[in-house]
């Protein structure tokens, strides 16, 4: 009898779609805003994402996709982090996690449904020693 073909869940074995925020911390602190100092990228260009390198990244997603957000400082000596991601919880509920053995945090969630059109979200950034997060002014989006 020939071996049975393996069936696999649509997205369970795929790597998460990684969204990376590159933040010019010095510029954001000086301006009190991330506008013009934030560059967003994701790993789903082949899947239809657009707006790379802008604050208005449009990440193409489908139900079951895992989405991971992380943050990098443009200046290696500056501290940046994500304090929160505000998004429609009916679509995705990102949770803060920490890579094992480190203090490096990231946010991850699973897209709950396919029938989304455009879902904007806001990222709250921790920057330097500033106590209040700096929030995105232009909205990146998840698109179905």
N, C-alpha and C. Protein backbone atom coordinates (compact mmCIF):
# COMPACT_ATOMS: atom_id res chain seq x y z
N UNK A 1 0.84 -1.17 0.00
CA UNK A 1 0.00 0.00 0.00
C UNK A 1 0.89 1.24 0.00
N UNK A 2 0.65 2.20 -0.90
CA UNK A 2 1.51 3.41 -0.96
C UNK A 2 1.29 4.27 0.28
N UNK A 3 2.33 5.04 0.64
CA UNK A 3 2.18 5.91 1.81
C UNK A 3 1.09 6.95 1.56
N UNK A 4 0.39 7.25 2.62
CA UNK A 4 -0.70 8.22 2.53
C UNK A 4 -0.13 9.64 2.51
N UNK A 5 -0.67 10.46 1.65
CA UNK A 5 -0.21 11.86 1.58
C UNK A 5 -0.58 12.56 2.87
N UNK A 6 0.35 13.32 3.36
CA UNK A 6 0.10 14.08 4.59
C UNK A 6 -0.78 15.27 4.27
N UNK A 7 -1.79 15.45 5.08
CA UNK A 7 -2.59 16.66 4.96
C UNK A 7 -2.13 17.60 6.04
N UNK A 8 -2.06 18.84 5.69
CA UNK A 8 -1.61 19.78 6.70
C UNK A 8 -2.57 20.94 6.79
N UNK A 9 -2.67 21.44 7.98
CA UNK A 9 -3.52 22.59 8.23
C UNK A 9 -3.04 23.74 7.37
N UNK A 10 -3.94 24.56 6.90
CA UNK A 10 -3.64 25.65 5.98
C UNK A 10 -2.44 26.49 6.39
N UNK A 11 -2.36 26.92 7.65
CA UNK A 11 -1.30 27.83 8.06
C UNK A 11 -0.53 27.37 9.29
N UNK A 12 -0.83 26.19 9.82
CA UNK A 12 -0.24 25.80 11.09
C UNK A 12 1.27 25.59 11.03
N UNK A 13 1.79 25.18 9.87
CA UNK A 13 3.22 24.92 9.79
C UNK A 13 3.99 26.08 9.17
N UNK A 14 3.29 27.12 8.76
CA UNK A 14 3.96 28.28 8.17
C UNK A 14 4.55 29.15 9.26
N UNK A 15 5.63 29.80 8.92
CA UNK A 15 6.23 30.77 9.84
C UNK A 15 5.29 31.96 9.97
N UNK A 16 5.32 32.63 11.11
CA UNK A 16 4.47 33.82 11.25
C UNK A 16 4.85 34.89 10.25
N UNK A 17 3.88 35.75 9.93
CA UNK A 17 4.17 36.95 9.16
C UNK A 17 4.79 37.92 10.15
N UNK A 18 6.02 38.28 9.92
CA UNK A 18 6.74 39.14 10.85
C UNK A 18 6.68 40.59 10.39
N UNK A 19 6.18 41.46 11.27
CA UNK A 19 6.14 42.90 11.00
C UNK A 19 7.22 43.54 11.86
N UNK A 20 8.17 44.20 11.21
CA UNK A 20 9.26 44.85 11.92
C UNK A 20 9.12 46.36 11.80
N UNK A 21 9.14 47.01 12.96
CA UNK A 21 9.11 48.47 13.03
C UNK A 21 10.53 48.94 13.27
N UNK A 22 11.07 49.71 12.34
CA UNK A 22 12.40 50.31 12.51
C UNK A 22 12.14 51.77 12.89
N UNK A 23 12.60 52.14 14.08
CA UNK A 23 12.27 53.46 14.62
C UNK A 23 13.52 54.30 14.83
N UNK A 24 13.50 55.51 14.29
CA UNK A 24 14.54 56.50 14.53
C UNK A 24 14.21 57.13 15.89
N UNK A 25 14.77 56.57 16.94
CA UNK A 25 14.44 56.98 18.30
C UNK A 25 14.81 58.43 18.57
N UNK A 26 15.97 58.87 18.10
CA UNK A 26 16.41 60.25 18.32
C UNK A 26 15.44 61.23 17.66
N UNK A 27 15.06 60.95 16.42
CA UNK A 27 14.11 61.80 15.72
C UNK A 27 12.74 61.79 16.37
N UNK A 28 12.27 60.61 16.79
CA UNK A 28 10.96 60.50 17.43
C UNK A 28 10.93 61.24 18.76
N UNK A 29 12.00 61.13 19.53
CA UNK A 29 12.06 61.85 20.81
C UNK A 29 12.09 63.36 20.59
N UNK A 30 12.86 63.81 19.62
CA UNK A 30 12.95 65.24 19.34
C UNK A 30 11.61 65.80 18.86
N UNK A 31 10.89 65.02 18.05
CA UNK A 31 9.62 65.48 17.50
C UNK A 31 8.43 65.18 18.41
N UNK A 32 8.62 64.24 19.34
CA UNK A 32 7.50 63.81 20.17
C UNK A 32 6.49 63.00 19.39
N UNK A 33 6.92 62.48 18.24
CA UNK A 33 6.05 61.73 17.34
C UNK A 33 6.90 60.76 16.52
N UNK A 34 6.28 59.68 16.09
CA UNK A 34 7.00 58.76 15.21
C UNK A 34 6.82 59.13 13.74
N UNK A 35 5.97 60.11 13.46
CA UNK A 35 5.71 60.50 12.07
C UNK A 35 7.00 60.96 11.40
N UNK A 36 7.35 60.29 10.32
CA UNK A 36 8.57 60.59 9.59
C UNK A 36 9.80 59.90 10.18
N UNK A 37 9.60 59.14 11.26
CA UNK A 37 10.72 58.47 11.93
C UNK A 37 10.48 56.97 12.10
N UNK A 38 9.46 56.45 11.41
CA UNK A 38 9.08 55.04 11.53
C UNK A 38 9.03 54.40 10.16
N UNK A 39 9.63 53.22 10.06
CA UNK A 39 9.70 52.48 8.80
C UNK A 39 9.21 51.06 9.09
N UNK A 40 8.09 50.67 8.49
CA UNK A 40 7.50 49.36 8.74
C UNK A 40 7.73 48.41 7.56
N UNK A 41 8.03 47.16 7.88
CA UNK A 41 8.27 46.11 6.89
C UNK A 41 7.59 44.84 7.35
N UNK A 42 7.21 43.98 6.41
CA UNK A 42 6.74 42.65 6.80
C UNK A 42 7.33 41.60 5.86
N UNK A 43 7.11 40.35 6.21
CA UNK A 43 7.68 39.24 5.44
C UNK A 43 6.66 38.62 4.47
N UNK A 44 5.63 39.38 4.11
CA UNK A 44 4.59 38.81 3.25
C UNK A 44 4.42 39.56 1.93
N UNK A 45 5.51 40.09 1.41
CA UNK A 45 5.43 40.81 0.13
C UNK A 45 4.89 39.89 -0.97
N UNK A 46 5.35 38.65 -1.00
CA UNK A 46 4.88 37.71 -2.01
C UNK A 46 3.39 37.41 -1.86
N UNK A 47 2.87 37.58 -0.64
CA UNK A 47 1.46 37.33 -0.37
C UNK A 47 0.57 38.52 -0.65
N UNK A 48 1.17 39.68 -1.00
CA UNK A 48 0.37 40.83 -1.38
C UNK A 48 0.50 42.05 -0.49
N UNK A 49 1.40 42.02 0.49
CA UNK A 49 1.58 43.20 1.34
C UNK A 49 2.18 44.35 0.53
N UNK A 50 1.85 45.60 0.93
CA UNK A 50 2.37 46.78 0.24
C UNK A 50 2.71 47.86 1.27
N UNK A 51 3.35 48.92 0.82
CA UNK A 51 3.67 50.05 1.69
C UNK A 51 4.93 49.86 2.50
N UNK A 52 5.85 49.05 2.03
CA UNK A 52 7.08 48.77 2.76
C UNK A 52 7.90 50.04 2.98
N UNK A 53 8.45 50.19 4.18
CA UNK A 53 9.29 51.34 4.50
C UNK A 53 8.49 52.58 4.86
N UNK A 54 7.17 52.44 5.00
CA UNK A 54 6.33 53.58 5.37
C UNK A 54 5.60 53.29 6.68
N UNK A 55 4.91 54.32 7.18
CA UNK A 55 4.09 54.15 8.39
C UNK A 55 2.74 53.55 8.05
N UNK A 56 2.45 53.39 6.77
CA UNK A 56 1.16 52.88 6.34
C UNK A 56 1.29 51.52 5.65
N UNK A 57 2.07 50.65 6.26
CA UNK A 57 2.23 49.29 5.76
C UNK A 57 0.86 48.60 5.70
N UNK A 58 0.61 47.89 4.61
CA UNK A 58 -0.63 47.13 4.45
C UNK A 58 -0.24 45.66 4.38
N UNK A 59 -0.44 44.95 5.48
CA UNK A 59 -0.04 43.55 5.58
C UNK A 59 -1.20 42.65 5.18
N UNK A 60 -1.01 41.86 4.13
CA UNK A 60 -2.04 40.93 3.66
C UNK A 60 -2.06 39.72 4.58
N UNK A 61 -3.25 39.40 5.11
CA UNK A 61 -3.41 38.27 6.03
C UNK A 61 -4.65 37.45 5.68
N UNK A 62 -4.68 36.23 6.20
CA UNK A 62 -5.82 35.33 6.06
C UNK A 62 -6.08 34.69 7.42
N UNK A 63 -7.28 34.17 7.61
CA UNK A 63 -7.61 33.47 8.85
C UNK A 63 -6.57 32.38 9.12
N UNK A 64 -6.12 32.31 10.36
CA UNK A 64 -5.13 31.31 10.74
C UNK A 64 -3.69 31.80 10.67
N UNK A 65 -3.45 32.90 9.95
CA UNK A 65 -2.09 33.45 9.89
C UNK A 65 -1.69 33.95 11.28
N UNK A 66 -0.47 33.64 11.65
CA UNK A 66 0.09 34.22 12.87
C UNK A 66 0.87 35.45 12.47
N UNK A 67 0.68 36.54 13.22
CA UNK A 67 1.35 37.80 12.93
C UNK A 67 2.21 38.15 14.13
N UNK A 68 3.48 38.44 13.88
CA UNK A 68 4.44 38.76 14.94
C UNK A 68 4.97 40.16 14.71
N UNK A 69 4.87 41.02 15.73
CA UNK A 69 5.40 42.38 15.66
C UNK A 69 6.66 42.47 16.51
N UNK A 70 7.70 43.11 15.96
CA UNK A 70 8.90 43.40 16.73
C UNK A 70 9.42 44.78 16.34
N UNK A 71 10.40 45.25 17.07
CA UNK A 71 10.84 46.63 16.91
C UNK A 71 12.37 46.69 16.97
N UNK A 72 12.94 47.52 16.11
CA UNK A 72 14.39 47.75 16.10
C UNK A 72 14.66 49.25 16.13
N UNK A 73 15.71 49.63 16.81
CA UNK A 73 16.11 51.04 16.82
C UNK A 73 17.04 51.29 15.64
N UNK A 74 16.85 52.42 14.96
CA UNK A 74 17.74 52.80 13.88
C UNK A 74 19.15 53.05 14.42
N UNK A 75 19.22 53.63 15.61
CA UNK A 75 20.50 53.87 16.28
C UNK A 75 20.74 52.72 17.25
N UNK A 76 21.88 52.07 17.15
CA UNK A 76 22.12 50.87 17.95
C UNK A 76 22.15 51.14 19.46
N UNK A 77 22.45 52.36 19.87
CA UNK A 77 22.55 52.64 21.30
C UNK A 77 21.24 53.11 21.93
N UNK A 78 20.19 53.25 21.13
CA UNK A 78 18.90 53.74 21.63
C UNK A 78 17.99 52.58 22.00
N UNK A 79 17.15 52.80 23.01
CA UNK A 79 16.17 51.79 23.40
C UNK A 79 14.83 52.07 22.73
N UNK A 80 14.26 51.05 22.12
CA UNK A 80 12.89 51.11 21.61
C UNK A 80 12.21 49.79 21.92
N UNK A 81 10.93 49.86 22.13
CA UNK A 81 10.13 48.67 22.38
C UNK A 81 8.68 48.95 22.06
N UNK A 82 7.89 47.91 22.03
CA UNK A 82 6.46 48.06 21.79
C UNK A 82 5.74 47.91 23.12
N UNK A 83 4.99 48.94 23.50
CA UNK A 83 4.22 48.92 24.74
C UNK A 83 2.87 48.26 24.54
N UNK A 84 2.28 48.45 23.36
CA UNK A 84 0.96 47.88 23.08
C UNK A 84 0.66 47.95 21.59
N UNK A 85 -0.24 47.09 21.16
CA UNK A 85 -0.78 47.14 19.81
C UNK A 85 -2.29 47.19 19.95
N UNK A 86 -2.88 48.28 19.45
CA UNK A 86 -4.32 48.47 19.53
C UNK A 86 -4.93 48.10 18.19
N UNK A 87 -5.76 47.05 18.20
CA UNK A 87 -6.37 46.53 16.98
C UNK A 87 -7.71 45.91 17.34
N UNK A 88 -8.59 45.77 16.37
CA UNK A 88 -9.89 45.15 16.57
C UNK A 88 -9.70 43.71 17.07
N UNK A 89 -10.12 43.45 18.30
CA UNK A 89 -9.92 42.14 18.92
C UNK A 89 -10.79 41.05 18.29
N UNK A 90 -11.76 41.44 17.47
CA UNK A 90 -12.54 40.43 16.74
C UNK A 90 -11.72 39.85 15.59
N UNK A 91 -10.66 40.56 15.20
CA UNK A 91 -9.81 40.13 14.09
C UNK A 91 -8.55 39.43 14.60
N UNK A 92 -7.89 40.02 15.60
CA UNK A 92 -6.64 39.46 16.15
C UNK A 92 -6.41 40.04 17.54
N UNK A 93 -5.86 39.23 18.44
CA UNK A 93 -5.54 39.69 19.79
C UNK A 93 -4.05 39.46 20.07
N UNK A 94 -3.22 40.44 19.73
CA UNK A 94 -1.78 40.27 19.97
C UNK A 94 -1.47 40.18 21.46
N UNK A 95 -0.54 39.29 21.79
CA UNK A 95 -0.08 39.13 23.17
C UNK A 95 1.41 39.42 23.23
N UNK A 96 1.84 40.02 24.33
CA UNK A 96 3.26 40.29 24.53
C UNK A 96 3.94 39.01 25.01
N UNK A 97 5.04 38.67 24.37
CA UNK A 97 5.86 37.51 24.73
C UNK A 97 7.31 37.97 24.83
N UNK A 98 8.13 37.12 25.43
CA UNK A 98 9.57 37.40 25.56
C UNK A 98 10.32 36.18 25.05
N UNK A 99 11.34 36.43 24.22
CA UNK A 99 12.16 35.32 23.74
C UNK A 99 12.84 34.66 24.94
N UNK A 100 12.82 33.31 25.01
CA UNK A 100 13.39 32.60 26.16
C UNK A 100 14.85 32.98 26.43
N UNK A 101 15.14 33.19 27.69
CA UNK A 101 16.51 33.50 28.10
C UNK A 101 16.95 34.92 27.81
N UNK A 102 16.00 35.80 27.39
CA UNK A 102 16.35 37.18 27.08
C UNK A 102 15.32 38.12 27.70
N UNK A 103 15.54 39.41 27.52
CA UNK A 103 14.50 40.38 27.88
C UNK A 103 13.95 41.05 26.63
N UNK A 104 14.12 40.40 25.48
CA UNK A 104 13.65 40.91 24.20
C UNK A 104 12.19 40.51 24.00
N UNK A 105 11.32 41.51 23.91
CA UNK A 105 9.88 41.26 23.79
C UNK A 105 9.41 41.37 22.35
N UNK A 106 8.33 40.68 22.07
CA UNK A 106 7.64 40.77 20.78
C UNK A 106 6.15 40.57 21.05
N UNK A 107 5.33 40.85 20.06
CA UNK A 107 3.89 40.68 20.17
C UNK A 107 3.45 39.71 19.08
N UNK A 108 2.53 38.80 19.41
CA UNK A 108 2.09 37.81 18.42
C UNK A 108 0.60 37.51 18.61
N UNK A 109 -0.07 37.26 17.50
CA UNK A 109 -1.48 36.88 17.54
C UNK A 109 -1.84 36.12 16.28
N UNK A 110 -3.01 35.49 16.31
CA UNK A 110 -3.50 34.72 15.17
C UNK A 110 -4.74 35.40 14.60
N UNK A 111 -4.74 35.59 13.29
CA UNK A 111 -5.88 36.20 12.60
C UNK A 111 -7.08 35.25 12.73
N UNK A 112 -8.21 35.79 13.20
CA UNK A 112 -9.37 34.97 13.51
C UNK A 112 -10.32 34.73 12.34
N UNK A 113 -10.32 35.62 11.35
CA UNK A 113 -11.29 35.45 10.27
C UNK A 113 -10.77 35.99 8.95
N UNK A 114 -11.36 35.49 7.87
CA UNK A 114 -10.96 35.86 6.52
C UNK A 114 -11.72 37.07 5.98
N UNK A 115 -12.92 37.27 6.46
CA UNK A 115 -13.79 38.28 5.86
C UNK A 115 -13.50 39.69 6.36
N UNK A 116 -12.23 40.05 6.40
CA UNK A 116 -11.86 41.41 6.79
C UNK A 116 -11.53 42.19 5.53
N UNK A 117 -11.79 43.46 5.57
CA UNK A 117 -11.44 44.31 4.43
C UNK A 117 -10.13 45.01 4.79
N UNK A 118 -10.22 46.10 5.55
CA UNK A 118 -9.05 46.84 6.00
C UNK A 118 -9.20 47.05 7.50
N UNK A 119 -8.23 46.57 8.27
CA UNK A 119 -8.27 46.70 9.72
C UNK A 119 -7.06 47.53 10.17
N UNK A 120 -7.30 48.81 10.52
CA UNK A 120 -6.18 49.64 10.99
C UNK A 120 -5.77 49.23 12.41
N UNK A 121 -4.52 49.49 12.74
CA UNK A 121 -4.06 49.28 14.11
C UNK A 121 -3.07 50.38 14.47
N UNK A 122 -2.88 50.55 15.77
CA UNK A 122 -1.92 51.53 16.28
C UNK A 122 -0.88 50.81 17.12
N UNK A 123 0.35 51.29 17.02
CA UNK A 123 1.43 50.75 17.83
C UNK A 123 1.86 51.83 18.82
N UNK A 124 1.95 51.45 20.09
CA UNK A 124 2.46 52.35 21.12
C UNK A 124 3.91 51.94 21.39
N UNK A 125 4.83 52.90 21.17
CA UNK A 125 6.26 52.62 21.32
C UNK A 125 6.83 53.17 22.62
N UNK A 126 7.69 52.40 23.24
CA UNK A 126 8.52 52.87 24.33
C UNK A 126 9.81 53.36 23.68
N UNK A 127 10.21 54.59 24.00
CA UNK A 127 11.38 55.16 23.34
C UNK A 127 12.28 55.81 24.38
N UNK A 128 13.55 55.38 24.40
CA UNK A 128 14.51 55.95 25.33
C UNK A 128 14.03 55.84 26.77
N UNK A 129 14.20 56.92 27.53
CA UNK A 129 13.77 56.93 28.93
C UNK A 129 12.43 57.63 29.11
N UNK A 130 11.80 58.00 28.01
CA UNK A 130 10.49 58.65 28.07
C UNK A 130 9.49 57.71 28.74
N UNK A 131 8.69 58.25 29.68
CA UNK A 131 7.76 57.40 30.42
C UNK A 131 6.45 57.15 29.68
N UNK A 132 6.02 58.09 28.85
CA UNK A 132 4.78 57.92 28.09
C UNK A 132 5.09 57.34 26.71
N UNK A 133 4.36 56.33 26.27
CA UNK A 133 4.57 55.78 24.93
C UNK A 133 4.26 56.82 23.84
N UNK A 134 4.94 56.66 22.71
CA UNK A 134 4.65 57.47 21.53
C UNK A 134 3.84 56.58 20.59
N UNK A 135 2.68 57.09 20.13
CA UNK A 135 1.73 56.30 19.36
C UNK A 135 1.81 56.67 17.88
N UNK A 136 1.64 55.68 17.02
CA UNK A 136 1.62 55.95 15.58
C UNK A 136 0.52 56.94 15.25
N UNK A 137 0.80 57.83 14.32
CA UNK A 137 -0.20 58.81 13.90
C UNK A 137 -0.87 58.38 12.60
N UNK A 138 -0.13 57.73 11.74
CA UNK A 138 -0.70 57.14 10.52
C UNK A 138 -0.92 55.67 10.82
N UNK A 139 -1.94 55.10 10.23
CA UNK A 139 -2.29 53.72 10.58
C UNK A 139 -1.77 52.68 9.60
N UNK A 140 -0.93 51.79 10.11
CA UNK A 140 -0.68 50.59 9.33
C UNK A 140 -1.97 49.76 9.37
N UNK A 141 -2.13 48.81 8.45
CA UNK A 141 -3.36 48.03 8.40
C UNK A 141 -3.09 46.56 8.13
N UNK A 142 -4.03 45.74 8.54
CA UNK A 142 -4.09 44.35 8.12
C UNK A 142 -5.18 44.32 7.05
N UNK A 143 -4.92 43.66 5.93
CA UNK A 143 -5.90 43.60 4.86
C UNK A 143 -6.18 42.15 4.49
N UNK A 144 -7.44 41.86 4.19
CA UNK A 144 -7.84 40.51 3.84
C UNK A 144 -7.74 40.25 2.36
